[in-house]
């Protein structure tokens, strides 16, 4: 996958469950929906590794996050504005990713 940056998503009861982590591992994809106030589907993740004791997934991707829509602590890939972000048939933004770790 070329040059990669490491990102993390924290486990939760809706968008990043253990079952979703297994689907991400099998598919090599991270999906995202529009945010609470957003209109455009968006993959969201934090920068870097999971903290000690934090549950979730760590992943790497060659698709650069979009600095225009990201913050210093959270990366965003917004469809249709971020190059390399696809839209699947269910309306989710999709980026290719390699799952590095599941906790």
N, C-alpha and C. Protein backbone atom coordinates (compact mmCIF):
# COMPACT_ATOMS: atom_id res chain seq x y z
N UNK A 1 0.80 -1.21 0.00
CA UNK A 1 0.00 0.00 0.00
C UNK A 1 0.84 1.28 0.00
N UNK A 2 2.10 1.26 -0.29
CA UNK A 2 2.89 2.48 -0.37
C UNK A 2 3.04 3.17 0.97
N UNK A 3 3.29 4.49 0.94
CA UNK A 3 3.48 5.29 2.15
C UNK A 3 2.14 5.42 2.89
N UNK A 4 2.19 5.18 4.20
CA UNK A 4 0.95 5.15 4.97
C UNK A 4 1.07 5.93 6.26
N UNK A 5 -0.04 6.47 6.70
CA UNK A 5 -0.16 7.13 7.99
C UNK A 5 -1.05 6.25 8.86
N UNK A 6 -0.77 6.20 10.15
CA UNK A 6 -1.55 5.38 11.07
C UNK A 6 -2.67 6.20 11.70
N UNK A 7 -3.86 5.59 11.73
CA UNK A 7 -5.05 6.21 12.30
C UNK A 7 -5.71 5.22 13.25
N UNK A 8 -6.65 5.73 14.06
CA UNK A 8 -7.38 4.85 14.97
C UNK A 8 -8.85 5.26 15.03
N UNK A 9 -9.68 4.26 15.32
CA UNK A 9 -11.10 4.49 15.59
C UNK A 9 -11.41 3.79 16.91
N UNK A 10 -12.06 4.49 17.81
CA UNK A 10 -12.38 3.94 19.13
C UNK A 10 -13.64 3.10 19.07
N UNK A 11 -13.61 1.97 19.77
CA UNK A 11 -14.79 1.11 19.83
C UNK A 11 -15.95 1.86 20.46
N UNK A 12 -17.14 1.66 19.88
CA UNK A 12 -18.36 2.23 20.45
C UNK A 12 -19.52 1.29 20.12
N UNK A 13 -20.71 1.64 20.52
CA UNK A 13 -21.85 0.73 20.35
C UNK A 13 -22.60 0.91 19.03
N UNK A 14 -22.18 1.86 18.20
CA UNK A 14 -22.91 2.10 16.95
C UNK A 14 -22.05 1.96 15.71
N UNK A 15 -21.02 2.78 15.55
CA UNK A 15 -20.26 2.82 14.29
C UNK A 15 -18.96 2.05 14.30
N UNK A 16 -18.45 1.68 15.48
CA UNK A 16 -17.18 0.94 15.54
C UNK A 16 -17.28 -0.17 16.59
N UNK A 17 -18.17 -1.11 16.31
CA UNK A 17 -18.35 -2.26 17.19
C UNK A 17 -17.28 -3.31 16.87
N UNK A 18 -17.11 -4.33 17.73
CA UNK A 18 -16.20 -5.42 17.40
C UNK A 18 -16.58 -6.12 16.08
N UNK A 19 -17.88 -6.24 15.81
CA UNK A 19 -18.32 -6.86 14.55
C UNK A 19 -17.91 -6.01 13.35
N UNK A 20 -18.02 -4.69 13.46
CA UNK A 20 -17.59 -3.79 12.39
C UNK A 20 -16.08 -3.92 12.17
N UNK A 21 -15.32 -4.04 13.25
CA UNK A 21 -13.86 -4.20 13.13
C UNK A 21 -13.52 -5.46 12.33
N UNK A 22 -14.25 -6.54 12.56
CA UNK A 22 -14.01 -7.78 11.80
C UNK A 22 -14.36 -7.59 10.32
N UNK A 23 -15.44 -6.87 10.03
CA UNK A 23 -15.79 -6.57 8.63
C UNK A 23 -14.72 -5.72 7.97
N UNK A 24 -14.16 -4.76 8.71
CA UNK A 24 -13.09 -3.92 8.18
C UNK A 24 -11.85 -4.75 7.86
N UNK A 25 -11.53 -5.68 8.75
CA UNK A 25 -10.38 -6.56 8.54
C UNK A 25 -10.56 -7.39 7.28
N UNK A 26 -11.75 -7.95 7.09
CA UNK A 26 -12.02 -8.80 5.93
C UNK A 26 -12.10 -8.02 4.62
N UNK A 27 -12.72 -6.83 4.66
CA UNK A 27 -12.95 -6.07 3.43
C UNK A 27 -11.79 -5.16 3.04
N UNK A 28 -10.97 -4.77 4.01
CA UNK A 28 -9.92 -3.80 3.72
C UNK A 28 -10.48 -2.41 3.48
N UNK A 29 -11.63 -2.11 4.11
CA UNK A 29 -12.29 -0.83 3.91
C UNK A 29 -12.73 -0.24 5.25
N UNK A 30 -12.73 1.11 5.30
CA UNK A 30 -13.33 1.84 6.41
C UNK A 30 -14.45 2.67 5.79
N UNK A 31 -15.64 2.61 6.39
CA UNK A 31 -16.80 3.32 5.88
C UNK A 31 -17.15 4.49 6.81
N UNK A 32 -17.86 5.47 6.24
CA UNK A 32 -18.34 6.58 7.03
C UNK A 32 -19.62 7.16 6.47
N UNK A 33 -20.46 7.67 7.34
CA UNK A 33 -21.73 8.28 6.95
C UNK A 33 -21.65 9.78 7.20
N UNK A 34 -22.65 10.54 6.78
CA UNK A 34 -22.64 11.96 7.12
C UNK A 34 -22.64 12.13 8.64
N UNK A 35 -21.94 13.13 9.13
CA UNK A 35 -21.91 13.42 10.55
C UNK A 35 -23.25 13.97 11.03
N UNK A 36 -23.34 14.28 12.29
CA UNK A 36 -24.59 14.79 12.89
C UNK A 36 -25.16 15.98 12.14
N UNK A 37 -24.30 16.89 11.73
CA UNK A 37 -24.77 18.09 11.05
C UNK A 37 -24.33 18.12 9.59
N UNK A 38 -23.75 17.02 9.13
CA UNK A 38 -23.24 16.99 7.77
C UNK A 38 -24.23 16.46 6.76
N UNK A 39 -23.93 16.73 5.51
CA UNK A 39 -24.73 16.26 4.41
C UNK A 39 -23.94 15.21 3.62
N UNK A 40 -22.61 15.34 3.64
CA UNK A 40 -21.76 14.49 2.83
C UNK A 40 -21.21 13.32 3.63
N UNK A 41 -21.21 12.10 3.06
CA UNK A 41 -20.63 10.96 3.75
C UNK A 41 -19.15 11.21 4.05
N UNK A 42 -18.73 10.82 5.21
CA UNK A 42 -17.38 11.14 5.67
C UNK A 42 -16.83 10.02 6.56
N UNK A 43 -15.63 9.55 6.23
CA UNK A 43 -14.91 8.63 7.10
C UNK A 43 -14.17 9.50 8.11
N UNK A 44 -14.28 9.15 9.40
CA UNK A 44 -13.63 9.91 10.45
C UNK A 44 -12.75 8.98 11.29
N UNK A 45 -11.57 9.48 11.69
CA UNK A 45 -10.67 8.71 12.54
C UNK A 45 -9.74 9.68 13.26
N UNK A 46 -9.17 9.20 14.36
CA UNK A 46 -8.17 9.98 15.08
C UNK A 46 -6.79 9.62 14.56
N UNK A 47 -5.84 10.52 14.73
CA UNK A 47 -4.47 10.29 14.31
C UNK A 47 -3.74 9.39 15.31
N UNK A 48 -2.90 8.48 14.82
CA UNK A 48 -2.00 7.70 15.65
C UNK A 48 -2.60 6.44 16.23
N UNK A 49 -1.86 5.86 17.17
CA UNK A 49 -2.19 4.57 17.78
C UNK A 49 -3.24 4.71 18.87
N UNK A 50 -3.87 3.58 19.18
CA UNK A 50 -4.77 3.51 20.33
C UNK A 50 -3.97 3.70 21.61
N UNK A 51 -4.53 4.38 22.58
CA UNK A 51 -3.89 4.53 23.89
C UNK A 51 -3.94 3.19 24.61
N UNK A 52 -3.07 3.00 25.55
CA UNK A 52 -3.05 1.78 26.34
C UNK A 52 -4.41 1.59 27.01
N UNK A 53 -5.01 0.42 26.82
CA UNK A 53 -6.30 0.12 27.40
C UNK A 53 -7.49 0.55 26.55
N UNK A 54 -7.28 1.31 25.50
CA UNK A 54 -8.36 1.78 24.62
C UNK A 54 -8.72 0.68 23.63
N UNK A 55 -10.00 0.38 23.49
CA UNK A 55 -10.46 -0.61 22.52
C UNK A 55 -10.79 0.07 21.20
N UNK A 56 -10.57 -0.65 20.11
CA UNK A 56 -10.88 -0.12 18.79
C UNK A 56 -10.00 -0.75 17.74
N UNK A 57 -9.78 -0.01 16.65
CA UNK A 57 -8.93 -0.48 15.56
C UNK A 57 -7.89 0.57 15.23
N UNK A 58 -6.73 0.09 14.80
CA UNK A 58 -5.72 0.93 14.20
C UNK A 58 -5.65 0.53 12.74
N UNK A 59 -5.53 1.51 11.85
CA UNK A 59 -5.43 1.20 10.43
C UNK A 59 -4.50 2.16 9.72
N UNK A 60 -4.04 1.72 8.56
CA UNK A 60 -3.20 2.55 7.70
C UNK A 60 -3.88 2.65 6.35
N UNK A 61 -3.68 3.78 5.70
CA UNK A 61 -4.24 3.98 4.36
C UNK A 61 -3.30 4.87 3.57
N UNK A 62 -3.26 4.66 2.27
CA UNK A 62 -2.47 5.53 1.39
C UNK A 62 -3.28 6.73 0.93
N UNK A 63 -4.57 6.74 1.24
CA UNK A 63 -5.43 7.86 0.84
C UNK A 63 -5.27 8.98 1.86
N UNK A 64 -4.71 10.11 1.47
CA UNK A 64 -4.51 11.19 2.43
C UNK A 64 -5.84 11.75 2.93
N UNK A 65 -5.89 12.02 4.23
CA UNK A 65 -7.07 12.70 4.78
C UNK A 65 -7.10 14.12 4.20
N UNK A 66 -8.24 14.74 4.29
CA UNK A 66 -8.41 16.07 3.71
C UNK A 66 -8.18 17.13 4.78
N UNK A 67 -7.05 17.85 4.74
CA UNK A 67 -6.76 18.83 5.78
C UNK A 67 -7.80 19.95 5.85
N UNK A 68 -8.48 20.22 4.75
CA UNK A 68 -9.50 21.27 4.74
C UNK A 68 -10.67 20.93 5.66
N UNK A 69 -10.98 19.64 5.79
CA UNK A 69 -12.13 19.19 6.59
C UNK A 69 -11.72 18.50 7.89
N UNK A 70 -10.43 18.42 8.16
CA UNK A 70 -9.93 17.74 9.36
C UNK A 70 -9.54 18.77 10.42
N UNK A 71 -9.29 18.27 11.63
CA UNK A 71 -8.80 19.11 12.72
C UNK A 71 -7.43 18.57 13.14
N UNK A 72 -6.74 19.23 14.05
CA UNK A 72 -5.44 18.71 14.48
C UNK A 72 -5.51 17.33 15.15
N UNK A 73 -6.69 16.92 15.63
CA UNK A 73 -6.80 15.63 16.33
C UNK A 73 -7.64 14.60 15.57
N UNK A 74 -8.38 15.02 14.55
CA UNK A 74 -9.26 14.09 13.85
C UNK A 74 -9.14 14.25 12.33
N UNK A 75 -8.93 13.12 11.65
CA UNK A 75 -8.82 13.10 10.20
C UNK A 75 -10.18 12.82 9.57
N UNK A 76 -10.46 13.50 8.46
CA UNK A 76 -11.72 13.30 7.74
C UNK A 76 -11.43 13.07 6.26
N UNK A 77 -12.17 12.15 5.69
CA UNK A 77 -12.16 11.87 4.26
C UNK A 77 -13.60 12.06 3.79
N UNK A 78 -13.87 13.12 3.05
CA UNK A 78 -15.24 13.50 2.71
C UNK A 78 -15.53 13.21 1.24
N UNK A 79 -16.57 12.44 1.00
CA UNK A 79 -17.01 12.22 -0.38
C UNK A 79 -18.00 13.32 -0.73
N UNK A 80 -17.86 14.01 -1.81
CA UNK A 80 -17.00 13.81 -2.97
C UNK A 80 -15.76 14.71 -2.99
N UNK A 81 -15.41 15.32 -1.88
CA UNK A 81 -14.35 16.33 -1.88
C UNK A 81 -12.93 15.80 -1.70
N UNK A 82 -12.76 14.63 -1.11
CA UNK A 82 -11.43 14.10 -0.86
C UNK A 82 -11.08 13.08 -1.94
N UNK A 83 -9.98 13.30 -2.62
CA UNK A 83 -9.55 12.40 -3.69
C UNK A 83 -9.32 10.99 -3.15
N UNK A 84 -9.84 9.99 -3.87
CA UNK A 84 -9.66 8.60 -3.48
C UNK A 84 -10.78 8.02 -2.64
N UNK A 85 -11.73 8.85 -2.22
CA UNK A 85 -12.85 8.37 -1.43
C UNK A 85 -13.97 7.94 -2.37
N UNK A 86 -14.43 6.71 -2.19
CA UNK A 86 -15.50 6.17 -3.03
C UNK A 86 -16.83 6.27 -2.29
N UNK A 87 -17.90 6.12 -3.03
CA UNK A 87 -19.24 6.08 -2.44
C UNK A 87 -19.83 4.72 -2.80
N UNK A 88 -20.23 3.94 -1.78
CA UNK A 88 -20.78 2.62 -2.07
C UNK A 88 -22.29 2.70 -2.32
N UNK A 89 -22.88 1.56 -2.65
CA UNK A 89 -24.30 1.52 -3.01
C UNK A 89 -25.23 1.85 -1.84
N UNK A 90 -24.71 1.77 -0.60
CA UNK A 90 -25.52 2.12 0.58
C UNK A 90 -25.38 3.58 0.97
N UNK A 91 -24.58 4.34 0.21
CA UNK A 91 -24.41 5.76 0.49
C UNK A 91 -23.32 6.11 1.48
N UNK A 92 -22.44 5.17 1.78
CA UNK A 92 -21.33 5.41 2.70
C UNK A 92 -20.08 5.84 1.94
N UNK A 93 -19.30 6.76 2.52
CA UNK A 93 -17.96 7.06 2.03
C UNK A 93 -17.08 5.86 2.37
N UNK A 94 -16.17 5.49 1.47
CA UNK A 94 -15.32 4.31 1.66
C UNK A 94 -13.88 4.65 1.31
N UNK A 95 -12.94 4.26 2.21
CA UNK A 95 -11.52 4.34 1.89
C UNK A 95 -10.91 2.96 2.04
N UNK A 96 -9.93 2.66 1.20
CA UNK A 96 -9.17 1.43 1.33
C UNK A 96 -8.25 1.56 2.53
N UNK A 97 -8.14 0.50 3.32
CA UNK A 97 -7.32 0.56 4.53
C UNK A 97 -6.80 -0.83 4.87
N UNK A 98 -5.67 -0.85 5.55
CA UNK A 98 -5.13 -2.09 6.09
C UNK A 98 -5.27 -2.01 7.62
N UNK A 99 -6.04 -2.93 8.17
CA UNK A 99 -6.20 -2.97 9.62
C UNK A 99 -4.90 -3.50 10.22
N UNK A 100 -4.31 -2.71 11.10
CA UNK A 100 -3.03 -3.05 11.71
C UNK A 100 -3.23 -3.76 13.04
N UNK A 101 -4.27 -3.35 13.77
CA UNK A 101 -4.50 -3.89 15.11
C UNK A 101 -5.96 -3.75 15.50
N UNK A 102 -6.49 -4.78 16.14
CA UNK A 102 -7.82 -4.73 16.73
C UNK A 102 -7.68 -5.06 18.21
N UNK A 103 -8.20 -4.22 19.06
CA UNK A 103 -8.14 -4.45 20.50
C UNK A 103 -9.57 -4.49 21.03
